[in-house]
Amino acid sequence: MSLSNTAIIEFFPGEEILADLLQQNLVIKVSGKIIRQGRLIFFKRVHYVYQLTFIKPKGNRETLELPLPFTIETYPQEKLVYFDYRNKTLTHNNPELNMKLSRVKIIDPTVFYNKIVEIEYN
């Protein structure tokens, strides 16, 4: 029997929350801008990305890929979920790591880089 260098993670952050959001109308925003809106009909994890499939208000389907978040905050009373992709969350607010990370030159960052994704549902 050999040991593998591949980590097996059976539960990823966000899976349970996304399962609860199935068949609900969602509005997904980054920096206040709507990037996707519609009824969530399916999601799956592909490596380190969630692929979310929506039915748009006009009936067509669209897919959105969200990276696995560093942390998740839920606010059921406000019907909000936050997927946190901020650097300070990644480094657990460690000043030394934050400084090192700020020195890294980011080429063609994603729309999620160092931001919070807001998911509103009803």
N, C-alpha and C. Protein backbone atom coordinates (compact mmCIF):
# COMPACT_ATOMS: atom_id res chain seq x y z
N MET A 1 0.85 -1.18 0.00
CA MET A 1 0.00 0.00 0.00
C MET A 1 0.89 1.24 0.00
N SER A 2 0.64 2.14 -0.93
CA SER A 2 1.44 3.35 -0.98
C SER A 2 0.59 4.55 -0.61
N LEU A 3 1.25 5.54 -0.09
CA LEU A 3 0.57 6.77 0.27
C LEU A 3 0.59 7.71 -0.92
N SER A 4 -0.49 8.39 -1.12
CA SER A 4 -0.59 9.33 -2.22
C SER A 4 -0.35 10.75 -1.71
N ASN A 5 0.13 11.60 -2.57
CA ASN A 5 0.31 13.00 -2.18
C ASN A 5 -0.94 13.82 -2.50
N THR A 6 -2.03 13.15 -2.86
CA THR A 6 -3.28 13.83 -3.18
C THR A 6 -4.17 13.85 -1.95
N ALA A 7 -4.61 15.02 -1.58
CA ALA A 7 -5.52 15.15 -0.45
C ALA A 7 -6.93 14.87 -0.93
N ILE A 8 -7.67 14.12 -0.15
CA ILE A 8 -9.06 13.85 -0.46
C ILE A 8 -9.91 14.61 0.54
N ILE A 9 -10.70 15.52 0.02
CA ILE A 9 -11.58 16.31 0.87
C ILE A 9 -13.00 15.94 0.48
N GLU A 10 -13.76 15.44 1.42
CA GLU A 10 -15.11 15.00 1.10
C GLU A 10 -16.13 16.12 1.20
N PHE A 11 -15.83 17.13 1.98
CA PHE A 11 -16.77 18.24 2.14
C PHE A 11 -16.05 19.53 1.82
N PHE A 12 -16.61 20.28 0.91
CA PHE A 12 -16.03 21.55 0.53
C PHE A 12 -16.90 22.68 1.03
N PRO A 13 -16.31 23.82 1.37
CA PRO A 13 -17.11 24.94 1.85
C PRO A 13 -18.09 25.41 0.78
N GLY A 14 -19.33 25.55 1.18
CA GLY A 14 -20.34 26.06 0.28
C GLY A 14 -21.28 25.03 -0.29
N GLU A 15 -20.91 23.75 -0.30
CA GLU A 15 -21.77 22.73 -0.90
C GLU A 15 -23.13 22.65 -0.22
N GLU A 16 -23.13 22.65 1.08
CA GLU A 16 -24.40 22.56 1.82
C GLU A 16 -25.27 23.79 1.57
N ILE A 17 -24.64 24.94 1.54
CA ILE A 17 -25.38 26.19 1.30
C ILE A 17 -25.95 26.21 -0.11
N LEU A 18 -25.13 25.81 -1.09
CA LEU A 18 -25.62 25.78 -2.47
C LEU A 18 -26.76 24.78 -2.63
N ALA A 19 -26.68 23.67 -1.93
CA ALA A 19 -27.78 22.70 -1.98
C ALA A 19 -29.07 23.31 -1.45
N ASP A 20 -28.96 24.11 -0.41
CA ASP A 20 -30.14 24.79 0.15
C ASP A 20 -30.69 25.86 -0.80
N LEU A 21 -29.85 26.38 -1.68
CA LEU A 21 -30.27 27.44 -2.60
C LEU A 21 -30.84 26.92 -3.92
N LEU A 22 -30.81 25.60 -4.12
CA LEU A 22 -31.36 25.04 -5.35
C LEU A 22 -32.82 25.41 -5.51
N GLN A 23 -33.20 25.70 -6.72
CA GLN A 23 -34.56 26.07 -7.11
C GLN A 23 -35.00 27.44 -6.57
N GLN A 24 -34.06 28.20 -6.06
CA GLN A 24 -34.38 29.54 -5.59
C GLN A 24 -33.85 30.56 -6.59
N ASN A 25 -34.49 31.71 -6.62
CA ASN A 25 -34.03 32.82 -7.47
C ASN A 25 -32.89 33.52 -6.76
N LEU A 26 -31.77 33.65 -7.47
CA LEU A 26 -30.57 34.25 -6.90
C LEU A 26 -30.17 35.49 -7.69
N VAL A 27 -29.58 36.42 -6.97
CA VAL A 27 -28.91 37.56 -7.59
C VAL A 27 -27.49 37.53 -7.04
N ILE A 28 -26.52 37.38 -7.93
CA ILE A 28 -25.12 37.29 -7.51
C ILE A 28 -24.41 38.57 -7.94
N LYS A 29 -23.78 39.22 -6.95
CA LYS A 29 -23.14 40.51 -7.18
C LYS A 29 -21.68 40.47 -6.74
N VAL A 30 -20.87 41.25 -7.46
CA VAL A 30 -19.48 41.51 -7.07
C VAL A 30 -19.31 43.02 -7.13
N SER A 31 -18.90 43.60 -6.03
CA SER A 31 -18.72 45.06 -5.92
C SER A 31 -19.99 45.81 -6.33
N GLY A 32 -21.13 45.27 -5.94
CA GLY A 32 -22.41 45.91 -6.22
C GLY A 32 -22.95 45.70 -7.62
N LYS A 33 -22.18 45.06 -8.49
CA LYS A 33 -22.59 44.83 -9.88
C LYS A 33 -23.14 43.41 -10.02
N ILE A 34 -24.32 43.28 -10.62
CA ILE A 34 -24.93 41.97 -10.83
C ILE A 34 -24.15 41.23 -11.91
N ILE A 35 -23.66 40.03 -11.57
CA ILE A 35 -22.95 39.22 -12.56
C ILE A 35 -23.78 38.03 -13.01
N ARG A 36 -24.79 37.66 -12.25
CA ARG A 36 -25.68 36.58 -12.65
C ARG A 36 -26.98 36.69 -11.88
N GLN A 37 -28.06 36.36 -12.55
CA GLN A 37 -29.38 36.43 -11.94
C GLN A 37 -30.23 35.32 -12.56
N GLY A 38 -30.97 34.61 -11.73
CA GLY A 38 -31.84 33.56 -12.23
C GLY A 38 -32.10 32.52 -11.17
N ARG A 39 -32.79 31.44 -11.58
CA ARG A 39 -33.12 30.36 -10.66
C ARG A 39 -32.02 29.31 -10.75
N LEU A 40 -31.43 28.98 -9.61
CA LEU A 40 -30.36 27.99 -9.55
C LEU A 40 -30.98 26.60 -9.71
N ILE A 41 -30.62 25.91 -10.80
CA ILE A 41 -31.22 24.59 -11.03
C ILE A 41 -30.23 23.45 -10.82
N PHE A 42 -28.93 23.76 -10.82
CA PHE A 42 -27.94 22.69 -10.70
C PHE A 42 -26.60 23.31 -10.30
N PHE A 43 -25.84 22.54 -9.53
CA PHE A 43 -24.46 22.95 -9.28
C PHE A 43 -23.62 21.70 -9.12
N LYS A 44 -22.36 21.83 -9.46
CA LYS A 44 -21.41 20.74 -9.23
C LYS A 44 -20.04 21.34 -8.98
N ARG A 45 -19.21 20.58 -8.30
CA ARG A 45 -17.84 20.99 -8.05
C ARG A 45 -16.95 20.31 -9.07
N VAL A 46 -16.16 21.10 -9.77
CA VAL A 46 -15.17 20.59 -10.70
C VAL A 46 -13.82 21.11 -10.22
N HIS A 47 -13.04 20.21 -9.66
CA HIS A 47 -11.77 20.56 -9.03
C HIS A 47 -12.01 21.61 -7.94
N TYR A 48 -11.56 22.83 -8.14
CA TYR A 48 -11.68 23.86 -7.10
C TYR A 48 -12.62 24.99 -7.53
N VAL A 49 -13.61 24.61 -8.33
CA VAL A 49 -14.57 25.58 -8.83
C VAL A 49 -15.97 24.97 -8.72
N TYR A 50 -16.94 25.82 -8.34
CA TYR A 50 -18.34 25.42 -8.41
C TYR A 50 -18.90 25.91 -9.74
N GLN A 51 -19.54 25.02 -10.47
CA GLN A 51 -20.24 25.39 -11.68
C GLN A 51 -21.72 25.47 -11.34
N LEU A 52 -22.29 26.67 -11.43
CA LEU A 52 -23.68 26.90 -11.10
C LEU A 52 -24.46 27.09 -12.40
N THR A 53 -25.56 26.37 -12.56
CA THR A 53 -26.40 26.50 -13.75
C THR A 53 -27.70 27.17 -13.36
N PHE A 54 -28.02 28.22 -14.11
CA PHE A 54 -29.21 29.03 -13.85
C PHE A 54 -30.17 28.97 -15.02
N ILE A 55 -31.45 29.12 -14.72
CA ILE A 55 -32.43 29.44 -15.74
C ILE A 55 -32.71 30.92 -15.57
N LYS A 56 -32.43 31.66 -16.64
CA LYS A 56 -32.61 33.11 -16.62
C LYS A 56 -34.09 33.46 -16.72
N PRO A 57 -34.47 34.69 -16.38
CA PRO A 57 -35.88 35.10 -16.45
C PRO A 57 -36.52 34.86 -17.82
N LYS A 58 -35.73 34.93 -18.90
CA LYS A 58 -36.28 34.71 -20.24
C LYS A 58 -36.30 33.23 -20.63
N GLY A 59 -35.83 32.35 -19.75
CA GLY A 59 -35.91 30.92 -20.02
C GLY A 59 -34.64 30.25 -20.49
N ASN A 60 -33.61 31.00 -20.87
CA ASN A 60 -32.38 30.38 -21.32
C ASN A 60 -31.50 30.01 -20.12
N ARG A 61 -30.59 29.08 -20.34
CA ARG A 61 -29.68 28.62 -19.29
C ARG A 61 -28.32 29.29 -19.40
N GLU A 62 -27.72 29.55 -18.24
CA GLU A 62 -26.38 30.11 -18.18
C GLU A 62 -25.62 29.43 -17.04
N THR A 63 -24.33 29.38 -17.19
CA THR A 63 -23.47 28.79 -16.16
C THR A 63 -22.52 29.85 -15.63
N LEU A 64 -22.27 29.79 -14.33
CA LEU A 64 -21.31 30.67 -13.68
C LEU A 64 -20.34 29.79 -12.91
N GLU A 65 -19.06 30.06 -13.05
CA GLU A 65 -18.05 29.34 -12.29
C GLU A 65 -17.56 30.22 -11.14
N LEU A 66 -17.71 29.70 -9.92
CA LEU A 66 -17.23 30.38 -8.72
C LEU A 66 -16.12 29.54 -8.10
N PRO A 67 -14.95 30.12 -7.87
CA PRO A 67 -13.92 29.38 -7.16
C PRO A 67 -14.38 29.05 -5.73
N LEU A 68 -13.80 28.02 -5.15
CA LEU A 68 -14.11 27.71 -3.76
C LEU A 68 -13.71 28.91 -2.92
N PRO A 69 -14.60 29.39 -2.07
CA PRO A 69 -14.28 30.58 -1.27
C PRO A 69 -13.35 30.25 -0.11
N PHE A 70 -12.68 31.29 0.38
CA PHE A 70 -11.82 31.13 1.56
C PHE A 70 -12.69 30.96 2.80
N THR A 71 -13.74 31.76 2.90
CA THR A 71 -14.72 31.61 3.98
C THR A 71 -16.10 31.97 3.43
N ILE A 72 -17.10 31.60 4.21
CA ILE A 72 -18.49 31.87 3.84
C ILE A 72 -19.19 32.45 5.06
N GLU A 73 -19.99 33.48 4.81
CA GLU A 73 -20.83 34.05 5.86
C GLU A 73 -22.27 33.95 5.39
N THR A 74 -23.16 33.54 6.29
CA THR A 74 -24.58 33.45 5.94
C THR A 74 -25.39 34.34 6.87
N TYR A 75 -26.39 34.98 6.30
CA TYR A 75 -27.29 35.85 7.03
C TYR A 75 -28.72 35.49 6.63
N PRO A 76 -29.28 34.44 7.24
CA PRO A 76 -30.62 33.96 6.83
C PRO A 76 -31.72 35.00 6.97
N GLN A 77 -31.65 35.87 7.98
CA GLN A 77 -32.69 36.88 8.16
C GLN A 77 -32.73 37.84 6.97
N GLU A 78 -31.56 38.18 6.44
CA GLU A 78 -31.48 39.09 5.30
C GLU A 78 -31.50 38.35 3.97
N LYS A 79 -31.49 37.00 4.04
CA LYS A 79 -31.43 36.14 2.84
C LYS A 79 -30.20 36.48 1.99
N LEU A 80 -29.04 36.47 2.67
CA LEU A 80 -27.76 36.78 2.04
C LEU A 80 -26.71 35.73 2.38
N VAL A 81 -25.85 35.47 1.42
CA VAL A 81 -24.68 34.62 1.62
C VAL A 81 -23.50 35.37 1.01
N TYR A 82 -22.38 35.38 1.72
CA TYR A 82 -21.16 36.00 1.22
C TYR A 82 -20.10 34.93 1.01
N PHE A 83 -19.55 34.87 -0.20
CA PHE A 83 -18.38 34.06 -0.49
C PHE A 83 -17.20 35.02 -0.48
N ASP A 84 -16.26 34.78 0.42
CA ASP A 84 -15.16 35.72 0.66
C ASP A 84 -13.89 35.25 -0.05
N TYR A 85 -13.38 36.09 -0.94
CA TYR A 85 -12.15 35.82 -1.68
C TYR A 85 -11.07 36.85 -1.37
N ARG A 86 -11.21 37.56 -0.26
CA ARG A 86 -10.24 38.62 0.05
C ARG A 86 -8.90 38.04 0.51
N ASN A 87 -7.85 38.74 0.16
CA ASN A 87 -6.50 38.32 0.56
C ASN A 87 -6.36 38.24 2.07
N LYS A 88 -6.94 39.21 2.78
CA LYS A 88 -6.79 39.21 4.24
C LYS A 88 -7.48 38.01 4.87
N THR A 89 -8.50 37.48 4.20
CA THR A 89 -9.15 36.28 4.70
C THR A 89 -8.25 35.07 4.46
N LEU A 90 -7.64 35.04 3.29
CA LEU A 90 -6.73 33.94 2.95
C LEU A 90 -5.57 33.88 3.94
N THR A 91 -5.04 35.03 4.33
CA THR A 91 -3.87 35.07 5.22
C THR A 91 -4.26 35.13 6.70
N HIS A 92 -5.55 35.04 6.98
CA HIS A 92 -6.04 35.16 8.36
C HIS A 92 -5.60 36.47 9.00
N ASN A 93 -5.58 37.52 8.17
CA ASN A 93 -5.25 38.88 8.59
C ASN A 93 -3.83 39.01 9.17
N ASN A 94 -2.93 38.16 8.72
CA ASN A 94 -1.54 38.21 9.16
C ASN A 94 -0.82 39.33 8.41
N PRO A 95 -0.36 40.38 9.12
CA PRO A 95 0.24 41.54 8.45
C PRO A 95 1.44 41.18 7.57
N GLU A 96 2.29 40.28 8.04
CA GLU A 96 3.47 39.90 7.25
C GLU A 96 3.06 39.20 5.94
N LEU A 97 2.13 38.27 6.03
CA LEU A 97 1.66 37.59 4.83
C LEU A 97 0.91 38.53 3.90
N ASN A 98 0.13 39.44 4.48
CA ASN A 98 -0.58 40.43 3.67
C ASN A 98 0.40 41.28 2.87
N MET A 99 1.51 41.69 3.51
CA MET A 99 2.50 42.50 2.83
C MET A 99 3.15 41.70 1.69
N LYS A 100 3.50 40.44 1.96
CA LYS A 100 4.11 39.62 0.92
C LYS A 100 3.15 39.41 -0.24
N LEU A 101 1.90 39.17 0.07
CA LEU A 101 0.90 38.95 -0.96
C LEU A 101 0.66 40.22 -1.78
N SER A 102 0.74 41.37 -1.14
CA SER A 102 0.53 42.64 -1.86
C SER A 102 1.65 42.91 -2.85
N ARG A 103 2.81 42.30 -2.66
CA ARG A 103 3.95 42.50 -3.55
C ARG A 103 3.88 41.62 -4.80
N VAL A 104 3.02 40.63 -4.78
CA VAL A 104 2.89 39.74 -5.92
C VAL A 104 2.16 40.47 -7.05
N LYS A 105 2.78 40.46 -8.22
CA LYS A 105 2.15 41.13 -9.36
C LYS A 105 1.09 40.19 -9.94
N ILE A 106 -0.14 40.66 -9.96
CA ILE A 106 -1.25 39.87 -10.45
C ILE A 106 -1.48 40.22 -11.92
N ILE A 107 -1.38 39.23 -12.77
CA ILE A 107 -1.60 39.43 -14.20
C ILE A 107 -2.96 38.85 -14.53
N ASP A 108 -3.84 39.68 -15.06
CA ASP A 108 -5.17 39.27 -15.48
C ASP A 108 -5.95 38.60 -14.35
N PRO A 109 -6.19 39.34 -13.26
CA PRO A 109 -6.93 38.75 -12.13
C PRO A 109 -8.40 38.49 -12.50
N THR A 110 -8.99 37.54 -11.82
CA THR A 110 -10.41 37.27 -12.04
C THR A 110 -11.23 38.38 -11.40
N VAL A 111 -12.49 38.42 -11.73
CA VAL A 111 -13.41 39.42 -11.18
C VAL A 111 -13.57 39.22 -9.66
N PHE A 112 -13.24 38.03 -9.17
CA PHE A 112 -13.41 37.72 -7.75
C PHE A 112 -12.19 38.06 -6.90
N TYR A 113 -11.08 38.40 -7.55
CA TYR A 113 -9.84 38.61 -6.81
C TYR A 113 -9.99 39.69 -5.74
N ASN A 114 -9.72 39.30 -4.51
CA ASN A 114 -9.71 40.20 -3.36
C ASN A 114 -11.08 40.87 -3.14
N LYS A 115 -12.15 40.12 -3.40
CA LYS A 115 -13.51 40.67 -3.28
C LYS A 115 -14.41 39.69 -2.53
N ILE A 116 -15.60 40.18 -2.23
CA ILE A 116 -16.65 39.36 -1.64
C ILE A 116 -17.77 39.22 -2.67
N VAL A 117 -18.21 38.00 -2.88
CA VAL A 117 -19.35 37.75 -3.76
C VAL A 117 -20.59 37.68 -2.90
N GLU A 118 -21.56 38.50 -3.24
CA GLU A 118 -22.82 38.57 -2.48
C GLU A 118 -23.88 37.78 -3.23
N ILE A 119 -24.53 36.86 -2.53
CA ILE A 119 -25.60 36.05 -3.12
C ILE A 119 -26.88 36.36 -2.37
N GLU A 120 -27.82 36.97 -3.07
CA GLU A 120 -29.14 37.25 -2.49
C GLU A 120 -30.09 36.17 -2.98
N TYR A 121 -30.97 35.71 -2.11
CA TYR A 121 -31.94 34.69 -2.50
C TYR A 121 -33.31 35.04 -1.93
N ASN A 122 -34.33 34.37 -2.47
CA ASN A 122 -35.68 34.58 -1.94
C ASN A 122 -36.41 33.27 -1.79
